[in-house]
Amino acid sequence: MSKTLDIAVIGATGTVGETLVQLLEEREFPLGSLHLLAGGDSAGQSVPFRGKNLRVRELDGFDFSQVRLAFFAAGEEVSRQYAAKAQAAGCSVIDLSGTLEQALPVVPEANAEALAGASAPYLLSSPAPAATALAAVLAPLRDRPGLRKITLNAVLAVSTLGRAGVSELARQTTELLNMRPLEPQLFDRQVAFNLLARVGESGEGGHARLERRMADELKRVLGVSGLKVAVTCCVAPVFFGDSLAVSLETAEAVDIKEVAALLGRQAGIELVEEGDYPTVVGDAVGQDELYVGRLRAGLDDPAELNLWIASDNVRKGSALNAVQIGELLIKHYL
């Protein structure tokens, strides 16, 4: 890429924001000026970038006409308050909060062509990490063997809730191991040494907002006509890395060897050999690849495909996907 772009990263001191800045450096993103922004106590901190420590400035009052592209990694409230201001100033937006319903969700491995139908200044979103990982894995499979329904059971790390989730699990674990009374703070009950069957509050029909978001994003990104999606999310006492148990209903009997061949040829996917399986701790955390294993047909239905995915939710599912969207924009559209 010969062009350069002045960009902003909002939420630069969070778990995703810091990783995003790190990836901009690692991938030699063609940027001119980099503006790191945050609100509250985070403003004034420093983040390392290209051998220097860049000061994080206050978001409020920032002139978005200074930049052509802004990554919003600071949560729903910030995106709702500032994304429209950025776009009105002629700045394209890549949002990671999932709160901007009008934004176009993009997973470069699955629907990069969707950008051709959008216009500048762009309003795009990087889907929820688990949806991003699953869409990238299913991209080479969606046309064969005729995908009809996805059932996703997503076992999510506490970093789904950002740095606060990581701190809460560490605090709870320390208190329990030291035989002290536990008072849950961020979560509604004990998460250490436990599984929580819901992320956030239940909404209509008992589905949490994140579950609805992921179902909608998968449908929009994959673009399979009539696709049905069922999602259940739970929180595990794991700091980083999502584990996804996936079942697909297809139109015809599944050829496991064909599926394995398709996945094995897909860039960014590591297919674990039969008899083994990937985990987030042993394989996925800190990596850019998606790890797929346990390919098998259904016990009673030969048109059912089951698989397991391990992915780094912060690096691959969030920060890297957003950076890859930015790379597509600057290469072809900006």
Protein backbone atom coordinates (compact mmCIF):
# COMPACT_ATOMS: atom_id res chain seq x y z
CA MET A 1 0.00 0.00 0.00
CA SER A 2 1.52 3.30 -1.03
CA LYS A 3 -1.18 5.53 0.43
CA THR A 4 -1.19 6.65 4.04
CA LEU A 5 -4.06 7.70 6.23
CA ASP A 6 -4.39 9.79 9.37
CA ILE A 7 -6.42 7.72 11.82
CA ALA A 8 -7.78 7.75 15.36
CA VAL A 9 -8.21 4.93 17.85
CA ILE A 10 -10.91 5.59 20.43
CA GLY A 11 -10.56 3.48 23.56
CA ALA A 12 -6.81 3.12 23.10
CA THR A 13 -6.17 2.08 26.72
CA GLY A 14 -8.65 -0.82 26.78
CA THR A 15 -7.80 -4.47 26.11
CA VAL A 16 -9.00 -4.31 22.50
CA GLY A 17 -7.71 -0.78 21.87
CA GLU A 18 -4.20 -1.59 23.05
CA THR A 19 -4.13 -4.73 20.91
CA LEU A 20 -5.43 -2.77 17.94
CA VAL A 21 -2.58 -0.25 18.25
CA GLN A 22 -0.12 -3.13 18.56
CA LEU A 23 -1.45 -4.70 15.35
CA LEU A 24 -1.24 -1.40 13.47
CA GLU A 25 2.48 -1.49 14.23
CA GLU A 26 2.99 -5.22 13.60
CA ARG A 27 1.22 -5.14 10.23
CA GLU A 28 2.87 -1.84 9.20
CA PHE A 29 -0.49 -0.23 8.61
CA PRO A 30 0.01 2.68 6.18
CA LEU A 31 -0.86 5.52 8.50
CA GLY A 32 0.34 9.08 8.67
CA SER A 33 -0.66 10.50 12.05
CA LEU A 34 -2.07 8.30 14.78
CA HIS A 35 -4.38 9.94 17.31
CA LEU A 36 -5.03 7.92 20.48
CA LEU A 37 -8.19 8.98 22.30
CA ALA A 38 -10.06 8.03 25.45
CA GLY A 39 -12.25 9.54 28.10
CA GLY A 40 -12.13 10.01 31.84
CA ASP A 41 -9.08 8.81 33.75
CA SER A 42 -7.65 7.05 30.69
CA ALA A 43 -6.78 10.34 29.01
CA GLY A 44 -3.20 11.27 29.77
CA GLN A 45 -1.89 7.71 29.78
CA SER A 46 0.72 6.58 27.26
CA VAL A 47 0.67 3.69 24.78
CA PRO A 48 3.83 2.39 23.05
CA PHE A 49 3.92 2.68 19.26
CA ARG A 50 6.87 2.41 16.87
CA GLY A 51 9.46 2.96 19.56
CA LYS A 52 7.72 5.90 21.17
CA ASN A 53 5.16 6.42 23.90
CA LEU A 54 2.13 8.18 22.45
CA ARG A 55 0.01 10.21 24.85
CA VAL A 56 -3.67 9.37 24.94
CA ARG A 57 -5.73 12.53 24.56
CA GLU A 58 -9.22 13.42 25.72
CA LEU A 59 -11.91 12.30 23.29
CA ASP A 60 -14.33 15.08 24.12
CA GLY A 61 -13.67 18.00 21.81
CA PHE A 62 -11.54 16.10 19.32
CA ASP A 63 -11.88 17.40 15.74
CA PHE A 64 -12.59 14.34 13.61
CA SER A 65 -11.94 16.29 10.41
CA GLN A 66 -8.24 15.75 11.23
CA VAL A 67 -8.51 12.04 10.39
CA ARG A 68 -9.91 9.91 7.57
CA LEU A 69 -10.60 6.77 9.62
CA ALA A 70 -11.53 6.12 13.26
CA PHE A 71 -11.61 2.80 15.13
CA PHE A 72 -14.18 2.89 17.95
CA ALA A 73 -13.15 0.40 20.65
CA ALA A 74 -14.50 2.15 23.75
CA GLY A 75 -17.91 0.55 24.18
CA GLU A 76 -21.52 1.22 23.30
CA GLU A 77 -22.06 4.58 24.99
CA VAL A 78 -19.02 6.17 23.35
CA SER A 79 -19.96 4.84 19.92
CA ARG A 80 -23.50 6.16 20.24
CA GLN A 81 -22.24 9.57 21.31
CA TYR A 82 -19.33 10.14 18.93
CA ALA A 83 -19.56 7.89 15.84
CA ALA A 84 -22.14 10.08 14.10
CA LYS A 85 -20.00 13.17 14.83
CA ALA A 86 -17.01 11.49 13.25
CA GLN A 87 -18.93 10.51 10.15
CA ALA A 88 -20.43 14.00 9.82
CA ALA A 89 -16.87 15.35 9.78
CA GLY A 90 -16.06 13.14 6.78
CA CYS A 91 -14.31 10.46 8.81
CA SER A 92 -15.03 6.79 8.09
CA VAL A 93 -15.87 4.70 11.16
CA ILE A 94 -15.11 1.09 12.09
CA ASP A 95 -17.14 0.34 15.21
CA LEU A 96 -16.47 -2.60 17.53
CA SER A 97 -19.34 -2.07 19.97
CA GLY A 98 -22.17 -3.55 17.91
CA THR A 99 -24.48 -0.74 18.93
CA LEU A 100 -24.78 1.03 15.58
CA GLU A 101 -27.52 -0.90 13.79
CA GLN A 102 -27.04 1.03 10.54
CA ALA A 103 -23.37 0.03 10.34
CA LEU A 104 -22.37 -2.63 7.80
CA PRO A 105 -20.82 -5.67 9.53
CA VAL A 106 -17.70 -6.91 7.76
CA VAL A 107 -15.53 -10.00 8.13
CA PRO A 108 -12.94 -9.74 5.34
CA GLU A 109 -12.67 -13.54 4.92
CA ALA A 110 -16.43 -13.78 4.42
CA ASN A 111 -17.94 -10.62 2.87
CA ALA A 112 -15.21 -8.22 1.75
CA GLU A 113 -17.21 -7.61 -1.42
CA ALA A 114 -19.95 -5.90 0.64
CA LEU A 115 -17.75 -2.78 0.85
CA ALA A 116 -18.28 -2.16 -2.84
CA GLY A 117 -21.91 -1.31 -2.18
CA ALA A 118 -21.15 1.21 0.58
CA SER A 119 -20.06 4.83 0.19
CA ALA A 120 -17.68 7.20 1.95
CA PRO A 121 -17.52 8.24 4.69
CA TYR A 122 -18.01 4.58 5.59
CA LEU A 123 -19.90 3.35 8.64
CA LEU A 124 -18.76 -0.22 9.25
CA SER A 125 -18.77 -2.61 12.18
CA SER A 126 -16.57 -5.45 13.28
CA PRO A 127 -18.95 -8.16 14.58
CA ALA A 128 -18.81 -9.74 18.03
CA PRO A 129 -15.62 -11.81 18.32
CA ALA A 130 -17.39 -15.17 18.30
CA ALA A 131 -19.48 -14.18 15.27
CA THR A 132 -16.34 -13.00 13.48
CA ALA A 133 -14.57 -16.29 14.15
CA LEU A 134 -17.52 -18.43 13.07
CA ALA A 135 -18.20 -16.39 9.92
CA ALA A 136 -14.57 -16.75 8.84
CA VAL A 137 -14.69 -20.51 9.36
CA LEU A 138 -18.02 -20.96 7.59
CA ALA A 139 -17.16 -18.76 4.60
CA PRO A 140 -15.70 -21.64 2.54
CA LEU A 141 -18.58 -23.93 3.58
CA ARG A 142 -21.65 -21.76 3.08
CA ASP A 143 -22.37 -22.86 -0.49
CA ARG A 144 -21.82 -26.55 0.09
CA PRO A 145 -23.28 -28.68 1.43
CA GLY A 146 -26.18 -26.16 1.53
CA LEU A 147 -26.27 -24.43 4.89
CA ARG A 148 -29.73 -24.20 6.49
CA LYS A 149 -29.25 -23.60 10.21
CA ILE A 150 -26.44 -22.72 12.62
CA THR A 151 -26.63 -23.66 16.29
CA LEU A 152 -23.86 -21.92 18.22
CA ASN A 153 -22.94 -22.52 21.84
CA ALA A 154 -20.34 -19.86 22.63
CA VAL A 155 -18.21 -20.28 25.75
CA LEU A 156 -16.83 -16.78 26.23
CA ALA A 157 -13.87 -15.45 28.18
CA VAL A 158 -14.38 -12.80 30.86
CA SER A 159 -12.46 -10.35 28.63
CA THR A 160 -15.73 -10.15 26.70
CA LEU A 161 -16.45 -7.47 29.30
CA GLY A 162 -13.07 -5.83 28.79
CA ARG A 163 -10.40 -5.13 31.37
CA ALA A 164 -13.05 -5.03 34.10
CA GLY A 165 -13.96 -8.66 33.40
CA VAL A 166 -10.33 -9.75 33.64
CA SER A 167 -9.87 -7.88 36.93
CA GLU A 168 -13.04 -9.33 38.40
CA LEU A 169 -12.07 -12.93 37.66
CA ALA A 170 -8.60 -12.34 39.14
CA ARG A 171 -10.10 -10.74 42.25
CA GLN A 172 -12.67 -13.49 42.78
CA THR A 173 -10.08 -16.23 42.29
CA THR A 174 -7.73 -14.62 44.80
CA GLU A 175 -10.46 -14.23 47.41
CA LEU A 176 -11.64 -17.83 47.07
CA LEU A 177 -8.14 -19.30 47.19
CA ASN A 178 -7.45 -17.28 50.34
CA MET A 179 -10.69 -18.49 51.95
CA ARG A 180 -12.18 -15.01 52.08
CA PRO A 181 -15.88 -14.20 51.61
CA LEU A 182 -16.74 -13.50 48.00
CA GLU A 183 -18.80 -10.48 46.97
CA PRO A 184 -19.44 -10.48 43.19
CA GLN A 185 -19.18 -7.01 41.64
CA LEU A 186 -19.14 -6.95 37.85
CA PHE A 187 -21.05 -10.22 37.40
CA ASP A 188 -24.29 -11.02 39.19
CA ARG A 189 -22.75 -14.04 40.90
CA GLN A 190 -19.51 -16.00 41.29
CA VAL A 191 -17.71 -16.52 37.97
CA ALA A 192 -14.46 -18.00 39.34
CA PHE A 193 -14.57 -21.82 39.12
CA ASN A 194 -18.05 -21.52 37.66
CA LEU A 195 -19.99 -21.15 34.40
CA LEU A 196 -22.54 -18.37 33.95
CA ALA A 197 -25.33 -19.26 31.56
CA ARG A 198 -25.91 -15.74 30.28
CA VAL A 199 -23.97 -12.63 29.24
CA GLY A 200 -25.90 -9.53 30.26
CA GLU A 201 -29.60 -9.25 30.95
CA SER A 202 -32.27 -11.29 29.19
CA GLY A 203 -34.47 -9.48 26.72
CA GLU A 204 -37.45 -10.46 24.62
CA GLY A 205 -38.02 -14.20 24.61
CA GLY A 206 -35.23 -14.73 27.16
CA HIS A 207 -32.44 -13.97 24.67
CA ALA A 208 -29.60 -11.72 25.80
CA ARG A 209 -28.64 -8.74 23.63
CA LEU A 210 -25.29 -10.30 22.70
CA GLU A 211 -27.03 -13.45 21.49
CA ARG A 212 -29.37 -11.44 19.28
CA ARG A 213 -26.46 -9.36 18.00
CA MET A 214 -24.44 -12.42 17.03
CA ALA A 215 -27.36 -14.08 15.25
CA ASP A 216 -28.05 -10.93 13.25
CA GLU A 217 -24.39 -10.42 12.35
CA LEU A 218 -23.95 -14.00 11.17
CA LYS A 219 -26.95 -13.73 8.88
CA ARG A 220 -25.81 -10.41 7.43
CA VAL A 221 -22.18 -11.40 6.94
CA LEU A 222 -22.78 -14.87 5.49
CA GLY A 223 -25.64 -13.74 3.26
CA VAL A 224 -27.20 -17.22 3.00
CA SER A 225 -30.86 -16.96 2.00
CA GLY A 226 -33.25 -18.31 4.65
CA LEU A 227 -30.47 -19.10 7.11
CA LYS A 228 -31.64 -19.77 10.67
CA VAL A 229 -29.35 -19.08 13.62
CA ALA A 230 -29.63 -20.13 17.27
CA VAL A 231 -27.11 -18.72 19.76
CA THR A 232 -26.44 -19.45 23.42
CA CYS A 233 -23.64 -17.58 25.19
CA CYS A 234 -22.13 -18.41 28.55
CA VAL A 235 -19.20 -16.97 30.49
CA ALA A 236 -16.33 -19.24 31.55
CA PRO A 237 -13.64 -18.52 34.17
CA VAL A 238 -11.09 -17.96 31.39
CA PHE A 239 -9.26 -14.66 30.92
CA PHE A 240 -8.84 -14.71 27.13
CA GLY A 241 -10.08 -16.89 24.28
CA ASP A 242 -13.51 -18.04 23.10
CA SER A 243 -14.46 -21.67 22.57
CA LEU A 244 -17.30 -22.36 20.14
CA ALA A 245 -19.30 -25.57 19.81
CA VAL A 246 -21.08 -25.38 16.46
CA SER A 247 -23.71 -27.56 14.81
CA LEU A 248 -24.78 -26.99 11.20
CA GLU A 249 -27.90 -28.33 9.50
CA THR A 250 -27.28 -28.81 5.79
CA ALA A 251 -29.24 -29.78 2.69
CA GLU A 252 -27.45 -33.06 2.06
CA ALA A 253 -25.24 -35.64 3.71
CA VAL A 254 -21.96 -34.17 4.95
CA ASP A 255 -18.72 -35.32 3.37
CA ILE A 256 -16.25 -34.85 6.23
CA LYS A 257 -13.22 -35.28 3.98
CA GLU A 258 -14.49 -32.57 1.63
CA VAL A 259 -15.18 -30.21 4.54
CA ALA A 260 -11.70 -30.85 5.94
CA ALA A 261 -10.16 -30.14 2.54
CA LEU A 262 -12.05 -26.86 2.18
CA LEU A 263 -11.04 -25.69 5.66
CA GLY A 264 -7.47 -26.86 5.18
CA ARG A 265 -7.09 -24.64 2.11
CA GLN A 266 -8.51 -21.55 3.80
CA ALA A 267 -5.94 -18.95 4.88
CA GLY A 268 -6.10 -18.14 8.58
CA ILE A 269 -7.54 -21.50 9.63
CA GLU A 270 -5.53 -24.19 11.41
CA LEU A 271 -7.32 -27.52 11.08
CA VAL A 272 -6.43 -29.84 13.95
CA GLU A 273 -5.99 -33.45 12.92
CA GLU A 274 -8.58 -36.09 13.72
CA GLY A 275 -8.30 -37.45 17.25
CA ASP A 276 -7.00 -34.16 18.65
CA TYR A 277 -8.72 -30.85 19.46
CA PRO A 278 -7.66 -27.23 19.98
CA THR A 279 -7.97 -25.14 23.14
CA VAL A 280 -7.68 -21.43 23.73
CA VAL A 281 -4.85 -21.72 26.25
CA GLY A 282 -2.76 -24.24 24.35
CA ASP A 283 -3.37 -22.94 20.85
CA ALA A 284 -5.39 -19.83 20.12
CA VAL A 285 -4.48 -17.08 22.59
CA GLY A 286 -1.99 -14.65 21.10
CA GLN A 287 -2.45 -16.04 17.59
CA ASP A 288 -4.03 -14.65 14.43
CA GLU A 289 -5.32 -18.04 13.31
CA LEU A 290 -8.63 -19.76 14.04
CA TYR A 291 -8.22 -23.31 15.32
CA VAL A 292 -10.83 -25.84 14.17
CA GLY A 293 -11.25 -29.43 15.29
CA ARG A 294 -13.65 -32.24 16.13
CA LEU A 295 -15.18 -32.35 12.63
CA ARG A 296 -17.91 -34.97 12.64
CA ALA A 297 -21.30 -35.76 11.18
CA GLY A 298 -24.38 -35.99 13.41
CA LEU A 299 -25.06 -39.09 15.45
CA ASP A 300 -28.51 -39.53 13.91
CA ASP A 301 -28.46 -37.12 10.98
CA PRO A 302 -25.88 -37.46 8.17
CA ALA A 303 -26.77 -33.93 7.02
CA GLU A 304 -25.52 -32.46 10.30
CA LEU A 305 -21.98 -31.14 10.70
CA ASN A 306 -20.44 -30.53 14.11
CA LEU A 307 -17.19 -28.73 14.83
CA TRP A 308 -15.22 -26.91 17.53
CA ILE A 309 -13.45 -23.56 17.21
CA ALA A 310 -10.88 -21.95 19.50
CA SER A 311 -10.11 -18.27 18.92
CA ASP A 312 -8.42 -15.34 20.63
CA ASN A 313 -11.41 -13.06 21.21
CA VAL A 314 -9.38 -9.89 21.76
CA ARG A 315 -6.69 -10.28 19.10
CA LYS A 316 -8.32 -12.22 16.25
CA GLY A 317 -12.03 -11.71 16.92
CA SER A 318 -11.85 -7.98 17.67
CA ALA A 319 -8.66 -6.04 16.95
CA LEU A 320 -7.32 -7.95 13.94
CA ASN A 321 -10.68 -8.06 12.17
CA ALA A 322 -11.05 -4.29 12.59
CA VAL A 323 -7.53 -3.65 11.28
CA GLN A 324 -8.15 -5.93 8.29
CA ILE A 325 -11.30 -3.95 7.47
CA GLY A 326 -9.17 -0.78 7.60
CA GLU A 327 -6.62 -2.37 5.28
CA LEU A 328 -9.35 -3.17 2.75
CA LEU A 329 -10.66 0.38 2.91
CA ILE A 330 -7.32 2.05 2.35
CA LYS A 331 -6.33 -0.39 -0.41
CA HIS A 332 -9.51 -0.18 -2.47
CA TYR A 333 -11.84 2.58 -1.34
CA LEU A 334 -10.24 5.51 0.51
